[in-house]
């Protein structure tokens, strides 16, 4: 696979993942925060963070 093809496929996937996170947040009423941007930059790691990250409310 050529480098240009790989980069285009990666960019397309990351944009699609970011759209998915945004749409999911809107449909479920969940706070999207910065997760669409992080997903755009980091792909599947951003999706994992969106679904599994629970912010610490400062409780010990």
PDB file of N, CA and C in Angstrom:
ATOM      1  N   UNK A   1       0.848  -1.169   0.000  1.00  0.00           N
ATOM      2  CA  UNK A   1       0.000   0.000   0.000  1.00  0.00           C
ATOM      3  C   UNK A   1       0.895   1.233   0.000  1.00  0.00           C
ATOM      4  N   UNK A   2       0.550   2.161  -0.814  1.00  0.00           N
ATOM      5  CA  UNK A   2       1.319   3.400  -0.880  1.00  0.00           C
ATOM      6  C   UNK A   2       0.999   4.288   0.319  1.00  0.00           C
ATOM      7  N   UNK A   3       1.944   5.133   0.651  1.00  0.00           N
ATOM      8  CA  UNK A   3       1.800   6.010   1.811  1.00  0.00           C
ATOM      9  C   UNK A   3       0.583   6.923   1.676  1.00  0.00           C
ATOM     10  N   UNK A   4       0.370   7.483   0.499  1.00  0.00           N
ATOM     11  CA  UNK A   4      -0.765   8.398   0.308  1.00  0.00           C
ATOM     12  C   UNK A   4      -2.089   7.678   0.531  1.00  0.00           C
ATOM     13  N   UNK A   5      -2.200   6.456   0.049  1.00  0.00           N
ATOM     14  CA  UNK A   5      -3.424   5.675   0.223  1.00  0.00           C
ATOM     15  C   UNK A   5      -3.661   5.376   1.692  1.00  0.00           C
ATOM     16  N   UNK A   6      -2.602   4.999   2.395  1.00  0.00           N
ATOM     17  CA  UNK A   6      -2.701   4.714   3.821  1.00  0.00           C
ATOM     18  C   UNK A   6      -3.141   5.950   4.600  1.00  0.00           C
ATOM     19  N   UNK A   7      -2.534   7.085   4.320  1.00  0.00           N
ATOM     20  CA  UNK A   7      -2.886   8.316   5.030  1.00  0.00           C
ATOM     21  C   UNK A   7      -4.316   8.752   4.746  1.00  0.00           C
ATOM     22  N   UNK A   8      -4.754   8.601   3.514  1.00  0.00           N
ATOM     23  CA  UNK A   8      -6.137   8.942   3.175  1.00  0.00           C
ATOM     24  C   UNK A   8      -7.121   8.024   3.894  1.00  0.00           C
ATOM     25  N   UNK A   9      -6.826   6.740   3.945  1.00  0.00           N
ATOM     26  CA  UNK A   9      -7.698   5.796   4.644  1.00  0.00           C
ATOM     27  C   UNK A   9      -7.740   6.098   6.139  1.00  0.00           C
ATOM     28  N   UNK A  10      -6.595   6.428   6.711  1.00  0.00           N
ATOM     29  CA  UNK A  10      -6.531   6.756   8.132  1.00  0.00           C
ATOM     30  C   UNK A  10      -7.309   8.032   8.427  1.00  0.00           C
ATOM     31  N   UNK A  11      -7.127   9.046   7.610  1.00  0.00           N
ATOM     32  CA  UNK A  11      -7.851  10.301   7.789  1.00  0.00           C
ATOM     33  C   UNK A  11      -9.359  10.085   7.673  1.00  0.00           C
ATOM     34  N   UNK A  12      -9.761   9.324   6.693  1.00  0.00           N
ATOM     35  CA  UNK A  12     -11.183   9.032   6.496  1.00  0.00           C
ATOM     36  C   UNK A  12     -11.764   8.311   7.710  1.00  0.00           C
ATOM     37  N   UNK A  13     -11.035   7.329   8.230  1.00  0.00           N
ATOM     38  CA  UNK A  13     -11.503   6.594   9.404  1.00  0.00           C
ATOM     39  C   UNK A  13     -11.610   7.502  10.619  1.00  0.00           C
ATOM     40  N   UNK A  14     -10.631   8.350  10.855  1.00  0.00           N
ATOM     41  CA  UNK A  14     -10.655   9.234  12.016  1.00  0.00           C
ATOM     42  C   UNK A  14     -11.798  10.237  11.931  1.00  0.00           C
ATOM     43  N   UNK A  15     -12.047  10.761  10.759  1.00  0.00           N
ATOM     44  CA  UNK A  15     -13.177  11.685  10.583  1.00  0.00           C
ATOM     45  C   UNK A  15     -14.495  10.945  10.846  1.00  0.00           C
ATOM     46  N   UNK A  16     -14.615   9.752  10.320  1.00  0.00           N
ATOM     47  CA  UNK A  16     -15.823   8.946  10.558  1.00  0.00           C
ATOM     48  C   UNK A  16     -16.017   8.636  12.028  1.00  0.00           C
ATOM     49  N   UNK A  17     -14.942   8.289  12.727  1.00  0.00           N
ATOM     50  CA  UNK A  17     -15.034   8.009  14.158  1.00  0.00           C
ATOM     51  C   UNK A  17     -15.463   9.259  14.925  1.00  0.00           C
ATOM     52  N   UNK A  18     -14.927  10.413  14.574  1.00  0.00           N
ATOM     53  CA  UNK A  18     -15.283  11.657  15.256  1.00  0.00           C
ATOM     54  C   UNK A  18     -16.753  12.006  15.022  1.00  0.00           C
ATOM     55  N   UNK A  19     -17.229  11.776  13.813  1.00  0.00           N
ATOM     56  CA  UNK A  19     -18.654  11.993  13.518  1.00  0.00           C
ATOM     57  C   UNK A  19     -19.507  11.044  14.342  1.00  0.00           C
ATOM     58  N   UNK A  20     -19.084   9.788  14.442  1.00  0.00           N
ATOM     59  CA  UNK A  20     -19.813   8.807  15.237  1.00  0.00           C
ATOM     60  C   UNK A  20     -19.925   9.242  16.694  1.00  0.00           C
ATOM     61  N   UNK A  21     -18.829   9.695  17.282  1.00  0.00           N
ATOM     62  CA  UNK A  21     -18.843  10.138  18.682  1.00  0.00           C
ATOM     63  C   UNK A  21     -19.787  11.322  18.853  1.00  0.00           C
ATOM     64  N   UNK A  22     -19.745  12.269  17.928  1.00  0.00           N
ATOM     65  CA  UNK A  22     -20.608  13.445  18.004  1.00  0.00           C
ATOM     66  C   UNK A  22     -22.086  13.065  17.901  1.00  0.00           C
ATOM     67  N   UNK A  23     -22.416  12.234  16.945  1.00  0.00           N
ATOM     68  CA  UNK A  23     -23.811  11.806  16.762  1.00  0.00           C
ATOM     69  C   UNK A  23     -24.285  10.992  17.959  1.00  0.00           C
ATOM     70  N   UNK A  24     -23.445  10.100  18.460  1.00  0.00           N
ATOM     71  CA  UNK A  24     -23.817   9.292  19.619  1.00  0.00           C
ATOM     72  C   UNK A  24     -24.103  10.179  20.826  1.00  0.00           C
ATOM     73  N   UNK A  25     -23.256  11.176  21.052  1.00  0.00           N
ATOM     74  CA  UNK A  25     -23.457  12.082  22.183  1.00  0.00           C
ATOM     75  C   UNK A  25     -24.768  12.853  22.045  1.00  0.00           C
ATOM     76  N   UNK A  26     -25.078  13.295  20.848  1.00  0.00           N
ATOM     77  CA  UNK A  26     -26.322  14.037  20.640  1.00  0.00           C
ATOM     78  C   UNK A  26     -27.543  13.151  20.833  1.00  0.00           C
ATOM     79  N   UNK A  27     -27.489  11.932  20.353  1.00  0.00           N
ATOM     80  CA  UNK A  27     -28.650  11.047  20.436  1.00  0.00           C
ATOM     81  C   UNK A  27     -28.889  10.521  21.842  1.00  0.00           C
ATOM     82  N   UNK A  28     -27.844  10.369  22.623  1.00  0.00           N
ATOM     83  CA  UNK A  28     -27.997   9.816  23.966  1.00  0.00           C
ATOM     84  C   UNK A  28     -28.040  10.886  25.047  1.00  0.00           C
ATOM     85  N   UNK A  29     -27.764  12.138  24.690  1.00  0.00           N
ATOM     86  CA  UNK A  29     -27.753  13.214  25.673  1.00  0.00           C
ATOM     87  C   UNK A  29     -26.508  13.196  26.543  1.00  0.00           C
ATOM     88  N   UNK A  30     -25.522  12.466  26.130  1.00  0.00           N
ATOM     89  CA  UNK A  30     -24.262  12.372  26.871  1.00  0.00           C
ATOM     90  C   UNK A  30     -23.377  13.573  26.529  1.00  0.00           C
ATOM     91  N   UNK A  31     -22.613  14.040  27.517  1.00  0.00           N
ATOM     92  CA  UNK A  31     -21.692  15.156  27.299  1.00  0.00           C
ATOM     93  C   UNK A  31     -20.552  14.690  26.407  1.00  0.00           C
ATOM     94  N   UNK A  32     -20.360  15.385  25.281  1.00  0.00           N
ATOM     95  CA  UNK A  32     -19.301  14.960  24.356  1.00  0.00           C
ATOM     96  C   UNK A  32     -17.952  15.540  24.718  1.00  0.00           C
ATOM     97  N   UNK A  33     -17.919  16.662  25.397  1.00  0.00           N
ATOM     98  CA  UNK A  33     -16.660  17.268  25.811  1.00  0.00           C
ATOM     99  C   UNK A  33     -15.711  17.461  24.632  1.00  0.00           C
ATOM    100  N   UNK A  34     -14.464  17.130  24.823  1.00  0.00           N
ATOM    101  CA  UNK A  34     -13.449  17.242  23.772  1.00  0.00           C
ATOM    102  C   UNK A  34     -13.238  15.934  23.027  1.00  0.00           C
ATOM    103  N   UNK A  35     -14.063  14.930  23.289  1.00  0.00           N
ATOM    104  CA  UNK A  35     -13.843  13.604  22.708  1.00  0.00           C
ATOM    105  C   UNK A  35     -13.890  13.577  21.181  1.00  0.00           C
ATOM    106  N   UNK A  36     -14.743  14.345  20.515  1.00  0.00           N
ATOM    107  CA  UNK A  36     -14.667  14.324  19.047  1.00  0.00           C
ATOM    108  C   UNK A  36     -13.304  14.790  18.524  1.00  0.00           C
ATOM    109  N   UNK A  37     -12.728  15.799  19.164  1.00  0.00           N
ATOM    110  CA  UNK A  37     -11.415  16.294  18.740  1.00  0.00           C
ATOM    111  C   UNK A  37     -10.314  15.273  19.036  1.00  0.00           C
ATOM    112  N   UNK A  38     -10.395  14.658  20.207  1.00  0.00           N
ATOM    113  CA  UNK A  38      -9.413  13.638  20.561  1.00  0.00           C
ATOM    114  C   UNK A  38      -9.537  12.422  19.643  1.00  0.00           C
ATOM    115  N   UNK A  39     -10.771  12.075  19.298  1.00  0.00           N
ATOM    116  CA  UNK A  39     -10.986  10.958  18.379  1.00  0.00           C
ATOM    117  C   UNK A  39     -10.453  11.295  16.997  1.00  0.00           C
ATOM    118  N   UNK A  40     -10.634  12.512  16.574  1.00  0.00           N
ATOM    119  CA  UNK A  40     -10.096  12.942  15.288  1.00  0.00           C
ATOM    120  C   UNK A  40      -8.574  12.800  15.266  1.00  0.00           C
ATOM    121  N   UNK A  41      -7.938  13.087  16.379  1.00  0.00           N
ATOM    122  CA  UNK A  41      -6.481  13.011  16.444  1.00  0.00           C
ATOM    123  C   UNK A  41      -5.965  11.593  16.684  1.00  0.00           C
ATOM    124  N   UNK A  42      -6.663  10.816  17.534  1.00  0.00           N
ATOM    125  CA  UNK A  42      -6.118   9.534  17.970  1.00  0.00           C
ATOM    126  C   UNK A  42      -6.929   8.310  17.544  1.00  0.00           C
ATOM    127  N   UNK A  43      -8.025   8.500  16.830  1.00  0.00           N
ATOM    128  CA  UNK A  43      -8.781   7.368  16.287  1.00  0.00           C
ATOM    129  C   UNK A  43      -9.456   6.514  17.342  1.00  0.00           C
ATOM    130  N   UNK A  44      -9.182   5.210  17.305  1.00  0.00           N
ATOM    131  CA  UNK A  44      -9.843   4.265  18.207  1.00  0.00           C
ATOM    132  C   UNK A  44      -9.565   4.552  19.676  1.00  0.00           C
ATOM    133  N   UNK A  45      -8.414   5.110  19.983  1.00  0.00           N
ATOM    134  CA  UNK A  45      -8.118   5.472  21.371  1.00  0.00           C
ATOM    135  C   UNK A  45      -9.088   6.552  21.857  1.00  0.00           C
ATOM    136  N   UNK A  46      -9.463   7.469  21.003  1.00  0.00           N
ATOM    137  CA  UNK A  46     -10.448   8.495  21.362  1.00  0.00           C
ATOM    138  C   UNK A  46     -11.824   7.906  21.602  1.00  0.00           C
ATOM    139  N   UNK A  47     -12.206   6.935  20.800  1.00  0.00           N
ATOM    140  CA  UNK A  47     -13.502   6.269  21.001  1.00  0.00           C
ATOM    141  C   UNK A  47     -13.494   5.526  22.328  1.00  0.00           C
ATOM    142  N   UNK A  48     -12.414   4.814  22.617  1.00  0.00           N
ATOM    143  CA  UNK A  48     -12.305   4.091  23.890  1.00  0.00           C
ATOM    144  C   UNK A  48     -12.392   5.059  25.060  1.00  0.00           C
ATOM    145  N   UNK A  49     -11.717   6.187  24.964  1.00  0.00           N
ATOM    146  CA  UNK A  49     -11.781   7.181  26.026  1.00  0.00           C
ATOM    147  C   UNK A  49     -13.181   7.726  26.213  1.00  0.00           C
ATOM    148  N   UNK A  50     -13.862   7.994  25.112  1.00  0.00           N
ATOM    149  CA  UNK A  50     -15.230   8.528  25.181  1.00  0.00           C
ATOM    150  C   UNK A  50     -16.149   7.558  25.912  1.00  0.00           C
ATOM    151  N   UNK A  51     -16.040   6.282  25.610  1.00  0.00           N
ATOM    152  CA  UNK A  51     -16.952   5.311  26.206  1.00  0.00           C
ATOM    153  C   UNK A  51     -16.545   4.869  27.609  1.00  0.00           C
ATOM    154  N   UNK A  52     -15.250   4.844  27.937  1.00  0.00           N
ATOM    155  CA  UNK A  52     -14.818   4.260  29.192  1.00  0.00           C
ATOM    156  C   UNK A  52     -14.294   5.254  30.221  1.00  0.00           C
ATOM    157  N   UNK A  53     -14.011   6.487  29.831  1.00  0.00           N
ATOM    158  CA  UNK A  53     -13.485   7.471  30.782  1.00  0.00           C
ATOM    159  C   UNK A  53     -14.613   8.006  31.641  1.00  0.00           C
ATOM    160  N   UNK A  54     -14.394   7.970  32.947  1.00  0.00           N
ATOM    161  CA  UNK A  54     -15.350   8.551  33.886  1.00  0.00           C
ATOM    162  C   UNK A  54     -14.588   9.590  34.692  1.00  0.00           C
ATOM    163  N   UNK A  55     -14.969  10.851  34.559  1.00  0.00           N
ATOM    164  CA  UNK A  55     -14.226  11.893  35.275  1.00  0.00           C
ATOM    165  C   UNK A  55     -14.316  11.738  36.777  1.00  0.00           C
ATOM    166  N   UNK A  56     -13.235  12.050  37.454  1.00  0.00           N
ATOM    167  CA  UNK A  56     -13.185  12.004  38.906  1.00  0.00           C
ATOM    168  C   UNK A  56     -13.825  13.278  39.430  1.00  0.00           C
ATOM    169  N   UNK A  57     -14.836  13.143  40.235  1.00  0.00           N
ATOM    170  CA  UNK A  57     -15.545  14.305  40.785  1.00  0.00           C
ATOM    171  C   UNK A  57     -14.861  14.890  42.010  1.00  0.00           C
ATOM    172  N   UNK A  58     -13.644  14.443  42.293  1.00  0.00           N
ATOM    173  CA  UNK A  58     -12.924  14.942  43.444  1.00  0.00           C
ATOM    174  C   UNK A  58     -13.208  14.146  44.703  1.00  0.00           C
ATOM    175  N   UNK A  59     -14.018  13.117  44.608  1.00  0.00           N
ATOM    176  CA  UNK A  59     -14.321  12.280  45.762  1.00  0.00           C
ATOM    177  C   UNK A  59     -13.170  11.326  46.026  1.00  0.00           C
ATOM    178  N   UNK A  60     -12.889  11.127  47.313  1.00  0.00           N
ATOM    179  CA  UNK A  60     -11.810  10.203  47.681  1.00  0.00           C
ATOM    180  C   UNK A  60     -12.351   8.854  48.007  1.00  0.00           C
TER     181      UNK A  60
END
